[in-house]
Amino acid sequence: MARKILGIDPGSRTTGYAVVVEEGTSYRVEICDVLRMDNMNDHTERLQYIFDELSSIIQKYKPDECAIETPVYGVDPLAMLKLGRAQAASILAVTNHGLRVAEYYPKAVKKSITGSGNASKRQVAFMLQKIMNIEVEELPADATDALAVAWCHITHSGLHSDERGIKKMHQNNRKSSWAKFAEDNPERIRES
């Protein structure tokens, strides 16, 4: 049975979003893009835009689950406050449609894709390109981040399993989710 996961990377100027469809052991990206608010000076106008646009995306793509990245720190307290508000507007759009929201820290997102919580954005994008078989370089950075959040949710949700019905490995095991994915899906790996 297929399920759709909406991944969100909230931001007060740019919010990334991606919808990933999981069908058994295959995955496809239904949409991966950003909401841009650079031309809006009023912060409350940007928050309303995030809420309205994500609500429209949810109505159009009908995801089953949602995952969002949680900001953890920042140098500028005002910037962190605005980022937290963008996250809240995103969460409200999701919960208003009856969906639950899973939150993931940036290190958990990176680790689910590369096996290391300290991976660079470039390393994450490279692995996503291999996993999802799409050209990640053509996507805005925040869209790639949202795609990474959706993938993180797939690997951490407890529903991800292989053909034999064995649940995914616990996140603290030494074998990374990428290594497990490669082991379970040798046909998806291309030599370069």
N, C-alpha and C. Protein backbone atom coordinates (compact mmCIF):
# COMPACT_ATOMS: atom_id res chain seq x y z
N MET A 1 0.84 -1.18 0.00
CA MET A 1 0.00 0.00 0.00
C MET A 1 0.89 1.25 0.00
N ALA A 2 0.59 2.19 -0.85
CA ALA A 2 1.39 3.41 -0.98
C ALA A 2 1.07 4.38 0.14
N ARG A 3 2.06 5.15 0.53
CA ARG A 3 1.83 6.25 1.45
C ARG A 3 2.62 7.46 0.98
N LYS A 4 2.08 8.64 1.28
CA LYS A 4 2.71 9.89 0.88
C LYS A 4 3.18 10.64 2.12
N ILE A 5 4.40 11.11 2.04
CA ILE A 5 4.98 11.87 3.15
C ILE A 5 5.30 13.27 2.67
N LEU A 6 4.81 14.26 3.39
CA LEU A 6 5.14 15.66 3.12
C LEU A 6 6.28 16.05 4.05
N GLY A 7 7.40 16.48 3.46
CA GLY A 7 8.52 16.97 4.23
C GLY A 7 8.57 18.49 4.12
N ILE A 8 8.83 19.16 5.24
CA ILE A 8 8.86 20.62 5.26
C ILE A 8 10.16 21.10 5.92
N ASP A 9 10.81 22.06 5.26
CA ASP A 9 11.95 22.76 5.84
C ASP A 9 11.51 24.21 6.02
N PRO A 10 11.03 24.58 7.22
CA PRO A 10 10.44 25.90 7.41
C PRO A 10 11.48 27.03 7.40
N GLY A 11 11.08 28.15 6.86
CA GLY A 11 11.90 29.34 6.88
C GLY A 11 11.03 30.56 6.71
N SER A 12 11.44 31.68 7.27
CA SER A 12 10.60 32.88 7.19
C SER A 12 10.74 33.60 5.86
N ARG A 13 11.77 33.29 5.09
CA ARG A 13 11.94 33.88 3.76
C ARG A 13 11.76 32.84 2.65
N THR A 14 12.14 31.60 2.94
CA THR A 14 11.99 30.49 1.99
C THR A 14 11.62 29.24 2.77
N THR A 15 10.55 28.59 2.40
CA THR A 15 10.13 27.33 3.02
C THR A 15 10.15 26.24 1.96
N GLY A 16 10.92 25.19 2.23
CA GLY A 16 10.99 24.07 1.30
C GLY A 16 9.91 23.04 1.61
N TYR A 17 9.44 22.37 0.58
CA TYR A 17 8.46 21.29 0.78
C TYR A 17 8.69 20.22 -0.27
N ALA A 18 8.38 18.99 0.10
CA ALA A 18 8.52 17.86 -0.82
C ALA A 18 7.50 16.79 -0.44
N VAL A 19 6.94 16.14 -1.44
CA VAL A 19 6.05 15.01 -1.22
C VAL A 19 6.70 13.79 -1.84
N VAL A 20 6.96 12.79 -1.00
CA VAL A 20 7.57 11.54 -1.43
C VAL A 20 6.54 10.43 -1.31
N VAL A 21 6.43 9.62 -2.34
CA VAL A 21 5.51 8.48 -2.33
C VAL A 21 6.32 7.21 -2.13
N GLU A 22 5.95 6.45 -1.11
CA GLU A 22 6.59 5.16 -0.82
C GLU A 22 5.61 4.06 -1.21
N GLU A 23 6.05 3.18 -2.12
CA GLU A 23 5.25 2.03 -2.53
C GLU A 23 6.12 0.80 -2.39
N GLY A 24 5.94 0.06 -1.30
CA GLY A 24 6.80 -1.09 -1.04
C GLY A 24 8.23 -0.62 -0.83
N THR A 25 9.11 -1.06 -1.73
CA THR A 25 10.52 -0.65 -1.62
C THR A 25 10.90 0.37 -2.69
N SER A 26 9.92 0.94 -3.36
CA SER A 26 10.23 1.98 -4.35
C SER A 26 9.72 3.33 -3.86
N TYR A 27 10.43 4.35 -4.31
CA TYR A 27 10.14 5.71 -3.87
C TYR A 27 10.14 6.64 -5.07
N ARG A 28 9.24 7.62 -5.04
CA ARG A 28 9.27 8.64 -6.08
C ARG A 28 8.90 9.98 -5.48
N VAL A 29 9.42 11.01 -6.10
CA VAL A 29 9.16 12.36 -5.63
C VAL A 29 8.01 12.92 -6.45
N GLU A 30 6.93 13.26 -5.78
CA GLU A 30 5.76 13.80 -6.47
C GLU A 30 5.95 15.30 -6.74
N ILE A 31 6.51 16.01 -5.78
CA ILE A 31 6.83 17.43 -5.95
C ILE A 31 7.92 17.79 -4.95
N CYS A 32 8.76 18.73 -5.35
CA CYS A 32 9.83 19.19 -4.49
C CYS A 32 10.14 20.63 -4.90
N ASP A 33 9.80 21.60 -4.04
CA ASP A 33 9.92 23.00 -4.44
C ASP A 33 10.01 23.88 -3.19
N VAL A 34 9.94 25.19 -3.39
CA VAL A 34 10.01 26.14 -2.27
C VAL A 34 8.90 27.18 -2.37
N LEU A 35 8.54 27.70 -1.23
CA LEU A 35 7.68 28.88 -1.14
C LEU A 35 8.62 30.05 -0.91
N ARG A 36 8.55 31.06 -1.76
CA ARG A 36 9.44 32.22 -1.64
C ARG A 36 8.67 33.42 -1.11
N MET A 37 9.25 34.04 -0.10
CA MET A 37 8.62 35.21 0.51
C MET A 37 9.58 36.40 0.55
N ASP A 38 10.60 36.38 -0.29
CA ASP A 38 11.62 37.44 -0.30
C ASP A 38 11.03 38.82 -0.58
N ASN A 39 9.96 38.86 -1.35
CA ASN A 39 9.37 40.15 -1.73
C ASN A 39 8.37 40.68 -0.71
N MET A 40 8.16 39.93 0.38
CA MET A 40 7.21 40.35 1.41
C MET A 40 7.98 40.93 2.59
N ASN A 41 7.67 42.16 2.95
CA ASN A 41 8.37 42.79 4.06
C ASN A 41 7.70 42.52 5.41
N ASP A 42 6.39 42.32 5.41
CA ASP A 42 5.66 42.12 6.65
C ASP A 42 5.75 40.65 7.08
N HIS A 43 6.26 40.43 8.29
CA HIS A 43 6.45 39.06 8.78
C HIS A 43 5.12 38.32 8.91
N THR A 44 4.09 38.99 9.38
CA THR A 44 2.79 38.31 9.53
C THR A 44 2.21 37.93 8.17
N GLU A 45 2.50 38.73 7.14
CA GLU A 45 2.05 38.40 5.79
C GLU A 45 2.76 37.12 5.30
N ARG A 46 4.04 36.99 5.63
CA ARG A 46 4.79 35.78 5.26
C ARG A 46 4.24 34.56 5.97
N LEU A 47 3.90 34.70 7.25
CA LEU A 47 3.34 33.57 8.00
C LEU A 47 2.00 33.13 7.42
N GLN A 48 1.17 34.08 7.06
CA GLN A 48 -0.11 33.76 6.45
C GLN A 48 0.09 33.05 5.11
N TYR A 49 1.07 33.51 4.35
CA TYR A 49 1.38 32.91 3.05
C TYR A 49 1.83 31.45 3.23
N ILE A 50 2.71 31.22 4.20
CA ILE A 50 3.16 29.84 4.48
C ILE A 50 1.96 28.96 4.81
N PHE A 51 1.12 29.43 5.71
CA PHE A 51 -0.06 28.67 6.12
C PHE A 51 -0.97 28.38 4.93
N ASP A 52 -1.28 29.41 4.14
CA ASP A 52 -2.20 29.25 3.00
C ASP A 52 -1.63 28.33 1.93
N GLU A 53 -0.36 28.53 1.59
CA GLU A 53 0.24 27.72 0.52
C GLU A 53 0.42 26.26 0.93
N LEU A 54 0.86 26.02 2.15
CA LEU A 54 0.98 24.63 2.59
C LEU A 54 -0.39 23.97 2.69
N SER A 55 -1.40 24.73 3.08
CA SER A 55 -2.77 24.19 3.10
C SER A 55 -3.19 23.76 1.70
N SER A 56 -2.88 24.57 0.70
CA SER A 56 -3.21 24.23 -0.69
C SER A 56 -2.45 23.00 -1.16
N ILE A 57 -1.17 22.92 -0.79
CA ILE A 57 -0.35 21.76 -1.17
C ILE A 57 -0.92 20.49 -0.55
N ILE A 58 -1.33 20.56 0.70
CA ILE A 58 -1.91 19.40 1.39
C ILE A 58 -3.22 18.99 0.71
N GLN A 59 -4.04 19.95 0.35
CA GLN A 59 -5.31 19.63 -0.33
C GLN A 59 -5.06 19.00 -1.70
N LYS A 60 -4.04 19.49 -2.40
CA LYS A 60 -3.76 18.98 -3.74
C LYS A 60 -3.11 17.60 -3.73
N TYR A 61 -2.09 17.39 -2.88
CA TYR A 61 -1.31 16.15 -2.92
C TYR A 61 -1.77 15.11 -1.91
N LYS A 62 -2.58 15.50 -0.95
CA LYS A 62 -3.17 14.59 0.03
C LYS A 62 -2.15 13.64 0.69
N PRO A 63 -1.16 14.22 1.39
CA PRO A 63 -0.20 13.35 2.07
C PRO A 63 -0.85 12.60 3.23
N ASP A 64 -0.28 11.45 3.56
CA ASP A 64 -0.75 10.65 4.68
C ASP A 64 -0.07 11.06 5.98
N GLU A 65 1.16 11.54 5.86
CA GLU A 65 1.96 11.90 7.03
C GLU A 65 2.79 13.14 6.71
N CYS A 66 3.27 13.78 7.77
CA CYS A 66 4.08 14.97 7.59
C CYS A 66 5.26 14.96 8.54
N ALA A 67 6.40 15.45 8.04
CA ALA A 67 7.60 15.59 8.86
C ALA A 67 8.16 16.99 8.64
N ILE A 68 8.68 17.58 9.71
CA ILE A 68 9.19 18.94 9.63
C ILE A 68 10.52 19.01 10.37
N GLU A 69 11.42 19.83 9.85
CA GLU A 69 12.70 20.01 10.52
C GLU A 69 12.53 21.02 11.65
N THR A 70 13.17 20.72 12.79
CA THR A 70 13.09 21.57 13.96
C THR A 70 14.37 22.39 14.09
N PRO A 71 14.25 23.70 14.15
CA PRO A 71 15.46 24.51 14.36
C PRO A 71 16.02 24.28 15.76
N VAL A 72 17.35 24.24 15.88
CA VAL A 72 17.94 23.95 17.17
C VAL A 72 18.72 25.11 17.78
N TYR A 73 19.31 25.94 16.98
CA TYR A 73 20.08 27.04 17.53
C TYR A 73 20.27 28.12 16.47
N GLY A 74 20.71 29.27 16.91
CA GLY A 74 20.99 30.36 16.00
C GLY A 74 21.71 31.46 16.73
N VAL A 75 22.46 32.24 15.99
CA VAL A 75 23.22 33.34 16.58
C VAL A 75 22.30 34.51 16.91
N ASP A 76 21.35 34.76 16.03
CA ASP A 76 20.46 35.92 16.18
C ASP A 76 19.13 35.47 16.79
N PRO A 77 18.82 35.90 18.02
CA PRO A 77 17.56 35.49 18.66
C PRO A 77 16.32 35.90 17.87
N LEU A 78 16.35 37.07 17.23
CA LEU A 78 15.19 37.50 16.44
C LEU A 78 14.98 36.59 15.23
N ALA A 79 16.07 36.18 14.59
CA ALA A 79 15.97 35.26 13.45
C ALA A 79 15.40 33.91 13.90
N MET A 80 15.83 33.44 15.08
CA MET A 80 15.30 32.17 15.60
C MET A 80 13.82 32.29 15.92
N LEU A 81 13.41 33.43 16.44
CA LEU A 81 12.00 33.65 16.73
C LEU A 81 11.18 33.60 15.45
N LYS A 82 11.66 34.25 14.40
CA LYS A 82 10.96 34.24 13.11
C LYS A 82 10.92 32.83 12.51
N LEU A 83 12.01 32.10 12.66
CA LEU A 83 12.05 30.73 12.16
C LEU A 83 11.06 29.85 12.92
N GLY A 84 11.00 30.03 14.24
CA GLY A 84 10.02 29.28 15.04
C GLY A 84 8.59 29.59 14.65
N ARG A 85 8.33 30.83 14.32
CA ARG A 85 6.98 31.21 13.87
C ARG A 85 6.66 30.57 12.52
N ALA A 86 7.65 30.52 11.63
CA ALA A 86 7.43 29.87 10.32
C ALA A 86 7.14 28.38 10.52
N GLN A 87 7.83 27.77 11.47
CA GLN A 87 7.58 26.37 11.77
C GLN A 87 6.16 26.21 12.33
N ALA A 88 5.75 27.12 13.20
CA ALA A 88 4.41 27.05 13.78
C ALA A 88 3.32 27.21 12.71
N ALA A 89 3.53 28.14 11.78
CA ALA A 89 2.56 28.32 10.69
C ALA A 89 2.46 27.05 9.85
N SER A 90 3.60 26.40 9.63
CA SER A 90 3.64 25.14 8.86
C SER A 90 2.90 24.05 9.61
N ILE A 91 3.18 23.92 10.90
CA ILE A 91 2.55 22.88 11.71
C ILE A 91 1.03 23.08 11.76
N LEU A 92 0.59 24.32 11.92
CA LEU A 92 -0.85 24.59 11.96
C LEU A 92 -1.54 24.24 10.64
N ALA A 93 -0.87 24.50 9.52
CA ALA A 93 -1.44 24.13 8.22
C ALA A 93 -1.64 22.61 8.15
N VAL A 94 -0.68 21.88 8.66
CA VAL A 94 -0.75 20.41 8.64
C VAL A 94 -1.82 19.90 9.60
N THR A 95 -1.79 20.38 10.84
CA THR A 95 -2.74 19.85 11.83
C THR A 95 -4.17 20.26 11.52
N ASN A 96 -4.36 21.38 10.84
CA ASN A 96 -5.72 21.77 10.43
C ASN A 96 -6.32 20.81 9.41
N HIS A 97 -5.48 20.00 8.80
CA HIS A 97 -5.96 18.99 7.85
C HIS A 97 -5.98 17.59 8.47
N GLY A 98 -5.88 17.55 9.79
CA GLY A 98 -6.01 16.28 10.50
C GLY A 98 -4.79 15.39 10.45
N LEU A 99 -3.65 15.93 10.04
CA LEU A 99 -2.42 15.13 9.97
C LEU A 99 -1.57 15.37 11.20
N ARG A 100 -0.85 14.33 11.60
CA ARG A 100 0.10 14.46 12.69
C ARG A 100 1.43 14.92 12.11
N VAL A 101 2.23 15.56 12.93
CA VAL A 101 3.52 16.09 12.49
C VAL A 101 4.64 15.44 13.30
N ALA A 102 5.60 14.87 12.59
CA ALA A 102 6.81 14.35 13.23
C ALA A 102 7.90 15.41 13.05
N GLU A 103 8.64 15.68 14.13
CA GLU A 103 9.71 16.68 14.07
C GLU A 103 11.06 15.98 14.16
N TYR A 104 12.01 16.46 13.35
CA TYR A 104 13.35 15.89 13.32
C TYR A 104 14.39 17.00 13.40
N TYR A 105 15.41 16.77 14.20
CA TYR A 105 16.52 17.71 14.29
C TYR A 105 17.41 17.57 13.05
N PRO A 106 18.10 18.63 12.66
CA PRO A 106 18.95 18.56 11.46
C PRO A 106 19.96 17.41 11.47
N LYS A 107 20.57 17.12 12.61
CA LYS A 107 21.55 16.02 12.67
C LYS A 107 20.89 14.67 12.39
N ALA A 108 19.66 14.48 12.88
CA ALA A 108 18.95 13.22 12.63
C ALA A 108 18.62 13.09 11.14
N VAL A 109 18.27 14.20 10.50
CA VAL A 109 17.96 14.19 9.07
C VAL A 109 19.21 13.78 8.29
N LYS A 110 20.33 14.42 8.58
CA LYS A 110 21.59 14.12 7.88
C LYS A 110 22.01 12.67 8.10
N LYS A 111 21.88 12.21 9.35
CA LYS A 111 22.29 10.84 9.67
C LYS A 111 21.44 9.80 8.95
N SER A 112 20.15 10.08 8.78
CA SER A 112 19.27 9.12 8.11
C SER A 112 19.63 8.92 6.64
N ILE A 113 20.30 9.91 6.07
CA ILE A 113 20.63 9.86 4.65
C ILE A 113 22.08 9.44 4.41
N THR A 114 22.99 9.99 5.18
CA THR A 114 24.42 9.74 4.94
C THR A 114 25.06 8.81 5.95
N GLY A 115 24.41 8.60 7.08
CA GLY A 115 25.02 7.82 8.15
C GLY A 115 25.79 8.69 9.12
N SER A 116 25.91 9.99 8.83
CA SER A 116 26.62 10.91 9.71
C SER A 116 25.78 12.16 9.95
N GLY A 117 25.63 12.51 11.21
CA GLY A 117 24.90 13.72 11.57
C GLY A 117 25.65 14.99 11.27
N ASN A 118 26.92 14.85 10.91
CA ASN A 118 27.76 16.02 10.60
C ASN A 118 28.02 16.17 9.10
N ALA A 119 27.25 15.48 8.28
CA ALA A 119 27.44 15.56 6.83
C ALA A 119 27.14 16.96 6.32
N SER A 120 27.78 17.31 5.22
CA SER A 120 27.53 18.62 4.59
C SER A 120 26.24 18.55 3.78
N LYS A 121 25.71 19.72 3.45
CA LYS A 121 24.51 19.78 2.59
C LYS A 121 24.81 19.13 1.25
N ARG A 122 26.01 19.29 0.77
CA ARG A 122 26.40 18.71 -0.51
C ARG A 122 26.37 17.17 -0.45
N GLN A 123 26.87 16.60 0.65
CA GLN A 123 26.84 15.15 0.81
C GLN A 123 25.40 14.64 0.89
N VAL A 124 24.56 15.36 1.60
CA VAL A 124 23.15 14.98 1.71
C VAL A 124 22.49 15.01 0.33
N ALA A 125 22.75 16.08 -0.43
CA ALA A 125 22.17 16.19 -1.77
C ALA A 125 22.64 15.07 -2.68
N PHE A 126 23.92 14.71 -2.59
CA PHE A 126 24.47 13.63 -3.41
C PHE A 126 23.76 12.31 -3.11
N MET A 127 23.58 12.01 -1.82
CA MET A 127 22.93 10.76 -1.44
C MET A 127 21.45 10.75 -1.83
N LEU A 128 20.78 11.90 -1.68
CA LEU A 128 19.38 11.98 -2.09
C LEU A 128 19.23 11.73 -3.58
N GLN A 129 20.18 12.23 -4.35
CA GLN A 129 20.14 12.01 -5.79
C GLN A 129 20.21 10.53 -6.10
N LYS A 130 21.04 9.80 -5.37
CA LYS A 130 21.18 8.35 -5.57
C LYS A 130 19.92 7.61 -5.10
N ILE A 131 19.42 8.00 -3.93
CA ILE A 131 18.26 7.31 -3.36
C ILE A 131 17.01 7.54 -4.20
N MET A 132 16.76 8.79 -4.55
CA MET A 132 15.52 9.16 -5.22
C MET A 132 15.61 9.15 -6.75
N ASN A 133 16.84 9.00 -7.25
CA ASN A 133 17.05 8.97 -8.70
C ASN A 133 16.51 10.24 -9.39
N ILE A 134 16.84 11.39 -8.80
CA ILE A 134 16.46 12.68 -9.39
C ILE A 134 17.67 13.60 -9.40
N GLU A 135 17.62 14.62 -10.22
CA GLU A 135 18.70 15.60 -10.30
C GLU A 135 18.52 16.64 -9.19
N VAL A 136 19.20 16.45 -8.08
CA VAL A 136 19.05 17.32 -6.93
C VAL A 136 19.71 18.68 -7.17
N GLU A 137 20.76 18.72 -8.00
CA GLU A 137 21.45 19.98 -8.26
C GLU A 137 20.53 21.05 -8.84
N GLU A 138 19.47 20.62 -9.50
CA GLU A 138 18.54 21.55 -10.12
C GLU A 138 17.52 22.12 -9.12
N LEU A 139 17.51 21.60 -7.91
CA LEU A 139 16.54 22.02 -6.91
C LEU A 139 17.13 23.10 -6.00
N PRO A 140 16.30 24.03 -5.53
CA PRO A 140 16.77 24.98 -4.52
C PRO A 140 17.17 24.24 -3.24
N ALA A 141 18.12 24.79 -2.50
CA ALA A 141 18.64 24.13 -1.30
C ALA A 141 17.53 23.79 -0.30
N ASP A 142 16.58 24.70 -0.09
CA ASP A 142 15.51 24.43 0.87
C ASP A 142 14.58 23.31 0.41
N ALA A 143 14.43 23.14 -0.90
CA ALA A 143 13.63 22.04 -1.43
C ALA A 143 14.34 20.72 -1.16
N THR A 144 15.65 20.70 -1.37
CA THR A 144 16.44 19.50 -1.07
C THR A 144 16.36 19.16 0.41
N ASP A 145 16.41 20.18 1.27
CA ASP A 145 16.29 19.95 2.71
C ASP A 145 14.94 19.33 3.06
N ALA A 146 13.87 19.80 2.43
CA ALA A 146 12.54 19.24 2.68
C ALA A 146 12.46 17.78 2.23
N LEU A 147 13.09 17.48 1.10
CA LEU A 147 13.15 16.11 0.61
C LEU A 147 13.90 15.23 1.61
N ALA A 148 14.96 15.76 2.17
CA ALA A 148 15.73 15.03 3.18
C ALA A 148 14.89 14.76 4.42
N VAL A 149 14.08 15.71 4.83
CA VAL A 149 13.21 15.53 6.00
C VAL A 149 12.18 14.43 5.72
N ALA A 150 11.63 14.41 4.52
CA ALA A 150 10.66 13.35 4.16
C ALA A 150 11.34 11.98 4.21
N TRP A 151 12.55 11.89 3.67
CA TRP A 151 13.28 10.62 3.68
C TRP A 151 13.59 10.19 5.12
N CYS A 152 13.99 11.14 5.94
CA CYS A 152 14.26 10.85 7.35
C CYS A 152 13.03 10.23 8.00
N HIS A 153 11.87 10.79 7.70
CA HIS A 153 10.63 10.26 8.29
C HIS A 153 10.37 8.83 7.82
N ILE A 154 10.63 8.56 6.56
CA ILE A 154 10.45 7.20 6.04
C ILE A 154 11.32 6.22 6.82
N THR A 155 12.57 6.60 7.06
CA THR A 155 13.49 5.68 7.74
C THR A 155 13.26 5.59 9.24
N HIS A 156 12.58 6.57 9.84
CA HIS A 156 12.37 6.56 11.28
C HIS A 156 10.94 6.25 11.71
N SER A 157 10.04 6.10 10.77
CA SER A 157 8.63 5.98 11.13
C SER A 157 8.23 4.61 11.65
N GLY A 158 9.08 3.61 11.48
CA GLY A 158 8.72 2.28 11.96
C GLY A 158 7.87 1.51 10.96
N LEU A 159 7.42 2.18 9.91
CA LEU A 159 6.61 1.50 8.89
C LEU A 159 7.46 1.05 7.72
N HIS A 160 8.68 1.60 7.63
CA HIS A 160 9.59 1.27 6.53
C HIS A 160 10.07 -0.17 6.71
N SER A 161 9.84 -1.00 5.73
CA SER A 161 10.25 -2.40 5.83
C SER A 161 10.63 -2.92 4.47
N ASP A 162 11.32 -4.05 4.47
CA ASP A 162 11.68 -4.66 3.19
C ASP A 162 10.63 -5.69 2.80
N GLU A 163 10.92 -6.44 1.71
CA GLU A 163 9.94 -7.39 1.18
C GLU A 163 9.59 -8.49 2.18
N ARG A 164 10.50 -8.81 3.10
CA ARG A 164 10.27 -9.90 4.04
C ARG A 164 9.46 -9.44 5.25
N GLY A 165 9.12 -8.15 5.29
CA GLY A 165 8.32 -7.66 6.40
C GLY A 165 9.12 -7.35 7.64
N ILE A 166 10.45 -7.29 7.51
CA ILE A 166 11.29 -6.98 8.66
C ILE A 166 11.38 -5.47 8.80
N LYS A 167 11.12 -4.99 10.00
CA LYS A 167 11.16 -3.54 10.21
C LYS A 167 12.59 -3.02 10.08
N LYS A 168 12.69 -1.72 9.81
CA LYS A 168 13.99 -1.07 9.68
C LYS A 168 14.81 -1.26 10.94
N MET A 169 16.12 -1.11 10.78
CA MET A 169 17.01 -1.24 11.91
C MET A 169 16.85 -0.06 12.85
N HIS A 170 17.08 -0.30 14.11
CA HIS A 170 17.01 0.79 15.09
C HIS A 170 18.04 1.85 14.74
N GLN A 171 17.70 3.12 14.95
CA GLN A 171 18.56 4.22 14.53
C GLN A 171 19.93 4.22 15.21
N ASN A 172 20.10 3.51 16.32
CA ASN A 172 21.39 3.49 16.99
C ASN A 172 22.30 2.36 16.50
N ASN A 173 21.80 1.51 15.60
CA ASN A 173 22.66 0.46 15.06
C ASN A 173 23.79 1.08 14.26
N ARG A 174 24.88 0.36 14.14
CA ARG A 174 26.05 0.89 13.43
C ARG A 174 25.82 0.99 11.93
N LYS A 175 25.00 0.13 11.38
CA LYS A 175 24.76 0.16 9.94
C LYS A 175 23.85 1.33 9.61
N SER A 176 24.29 2.23 8.75
CA SER A 176 23.52 3.42 8.42
C SER A 176 22.30 3.06 7.59
N SER A 177 21.35 3.97 7.55
CA SER A 177 20.16 3.73 6.76
C SER A 177 20.51 3.61 5.28
N TRP A 178 21.55 4.37 4.83
CA TRP A 178 21.97 4.26 3.43
C TRP A 178 22.53 2.87 3.16
N ALA A 179 23.36 2.36 4.06
CA ALA A 179 23.94 1.03 3.87
C ALA A 179 22.83 -0.02 3.84
N LYS A 180 21.84 0.13 4.71
CA LYS A 180 20.71 -0.80 4.74
C LYS A 180 19.91 -0.70 3.44
N PHE A 181 19.68 0.55 2.99
CA PHE A 181 18.96 0.77 1.75
C PHE A 181 19.70 0.12 0.58
N ALA A 182 21.01 0.33 0.51
CA ALA A 182 21.82 -0.23 -0.58
C ALA A 182 21.78 -1.76 -0.54
N GLU A 183 21.84 -2.32 0.66
CA GLU A 183 21.79 -3.77 0.82
C GLU A 183 20.44 -4.33 0.36
N ASP A 184 19.36 -3.63 0.70
CA ASP A 184 18.02 -4.10 0.36
C ASP A 184 17.61 -3.80 -1.07
N ASN A 185 18.30 -2.88 -1.73
CA ASN A 185 17.92 -2.43 -3.08
C ASN A 185 19.11 -2.40 -4.03
N PRO A 186 19.78 -3.52 -4.25
CA PRO A 186 20.98 -3.50 -5.12
C PRO A 186 20.68 -3.05 -6.54
N GLU A 187 19.46 -3.25 -7.00
CA GLU A 187 19.09 -2.84 -8.36
C GLU A 187 19.03 -1.32 -8.52
N ARG A 188 18.96 -0.59 -7.42
CA ARG A 188 18.88 0.87 -7.47
C ARG A 188 20.25 1.55 -7.45
N ILE A 189 21.31 0.77 -7.25
CA ILE A 189 22.66 1.33 -7.15
C ILE A 189 23.31 1.30 -8.52
N ARG A 190 23.82 2.46 -8.93
CA ARG A 190 24.54 2.57 -10.22
C ARG A 190 26.00 2.84 -9.95
N GLU A 191 26.86 2.15 -10.65
CA GLU A 191 28.30 2.41 -10.56
C GLU A 191 28.62 3.63 -11.39
N SER A 192 29.48 4.49 -10.86
CA SER A 192 29.86 5.68 -11.63
C SER A 192 31.31 5.64 -12.05
